[in-house]
Amino acid sequence: MIWNYLSNEQLQEFIGSKFIDELKEIIPAITNVDANSFNINQKDILLKIINSFLTESFFKDKKNRLKVLNSINVINIDCLLKVIAPDKIALSFEKKIEFIASQWNSVRYHKKIREWAGLPGEIEDVDEIKSPSTIKMRVPEHPYKMLKDYQMSIFIQASELLNRQGVHFVIQMPTGSGKTRTAMEIVSNFINENKENVHIVWLAHSEELCEQAATCFQEVWEHIAKKELAIYKYWGKHNSLPTDIETSSFVVGGLQKLYSAYVNNPNAFDKIKEHVSLIIVDEAHKIIAPSYKTVVNAIGNLYTKTIGLTATPGRNINDIEGNNRLSDFFHGHNVTIKSSNNDSVIKFLRNKKVLSLLDIESLTYSTRVTLTERDREYIARNFDFPPAFLKKLGTNSIRNIEILRALERECKGNRQIIFFACNVEHSKFICSMLTYLGYKASHVDGSTDKQTRERILKKFKRNEIQVICNFGVLSTGFDAPNTDVVCIARPTTSIVLYSQMIGRGLRGPAIGGTPSCKLINVRDNIENLPDYELIFDYFDEYWS
């Protein structure tokens, strides 16, 4: 490993004295080592820390590569050059390390450089596989698998409402119960039942949700299509929109991309606006945001029908005005699952083994967290905790020790775990500490490139990674039925976000998930979040 070439003092410099002081307290506490005899400055411990905390992304930055190479003596640098480029040995030391740093990812040298550095091969850059932006669909040859009974109930209710001109309504189904799959059946039936060409627009706020929607529709449509149709992708690097209204279309659009296109050209969607029959809004609670309303108005007309999809049809527990505006937009219509025996919807689906049994564990710690007056003002305006407050929680050593102890216990039980952190730094820290302890953990956040994120998620689904630590990316658009522990260390007053995080582990055995899922909820004595059984019905008063 490349770090072996560095002295103790150089390793300490890379780690940082402040961080070393923090780890002096945490490592003995979670490894049951006597703090008085623990010497963090031993080289083997320093190497273990640096290998755990300075991940593969560190060497993606050329400046970091140069900084490390500059700390290595010329003899070891020449050993590498003898293997990859003997003609460069005569260069000055500065030019030698500049050459190595520049050729780090080159096709010609990268394998040998990384073997010398002792870095894993999976950090090699691979060209992104580009999928087409337009897909022509034909009538299928194979029979189709029917919806489940509770999904069919939603299908019937929604299909009846779609007979009304300009109707708006919400479909409410718990996370993990097949909301997207059911909606695609409704959309496909709507297209098939119309004699004329039909143009549908599906809106989502993230690339993951867009990709999920396009894939799910394709899987459904190829089985039940009665006419030709084109799928158009308009998110991320995709720029495909219908130009031919003579063929039915299904457009999946990213909110931000559509909004930016409209801002740059208010007439951008005029060609399709008059022909859009139906708009579907994923995560319907976002629709009253100005950007969402602008997009909906830009792509729809007076007769366009609109369906919202959600698990919790409200904005926020305390946002009465916002909840009313959301209900008004959808004309107060909420299509939901009808349970039997007066059971809650969650219990009804759990009895059907569609949702897993939720085993809740409250994780507490000795220190008490207090809110400043400024914090309270922020919460009143934004309906959530301020970033500075979350950062403070994420650096609380006593809190992190308890979190790590809980996660290690679950890791020893061979559980598949999703961890929701206070912020990006907190997620990286917990991930690195788990790596230090010898567990297979990875971190993702909004800045993680698509290729790396997909690789990590696939490994998690194959049980090759035991823990995914994240901030802000896995609450929606991520389906991993093998998840059997969800740890929420990110406090929130948002009932929508809270239910989305819990929902990552609720897929039951009837749909390929687990019989039970443990929820480890870090209690900070700040906000008493409602019982999950009550979440689904929390906004009923706003809907007729």
Foldseek 3Di string as FASTA:
>chain_A
DLCVQADLVVLCVVCDPVNLVLVLPQVCLQVVNDSVPDDCSDPVNSVLLCPLQCDPVQLVDLVSQLVSLVRGDLVLLCVLCVVQPNVCNPPDSSVSSVVCSVCCQPPRPVVSSCVSNVHDPVSHDDDDDDDDQKDKADAADDADDDDDPLLVQLLVVVLVQLVDFQAFEEEADFQLLCQLLSVLVSVQVVQQVDPAAAEEEEEDADPLVLVVNQVSNNVRCNRDPPFIEMEGEADDPGNGDDPDSRHHYYYYHHLVRLLVQCVVPVCSQVNQAVRHAEYEYEQLLCCVPPSNVSSCPSRYDSRHYYYYYANFQAWFLPCPVSSLVSCVVNVQHYRYGDAPPPAFSLVRCLVVQQWAAEAEDEFEFDDADDDDPVQVVCCVVPVKGDLVSLVVLLSPSRLLSSVLNVVVVVVVVLAAEEEEGSDQVSLSVSSSVVVSVPAFEEEDEPPPDPVVVVVVLVCSLVSVHRYYRYYDDQLPSHARQRHAEYEYPHDGSGLRSVSSSVSNHTGGVVRPHHNYHYYYYYDNVPDDDDDPSCRSCSSVVSHD
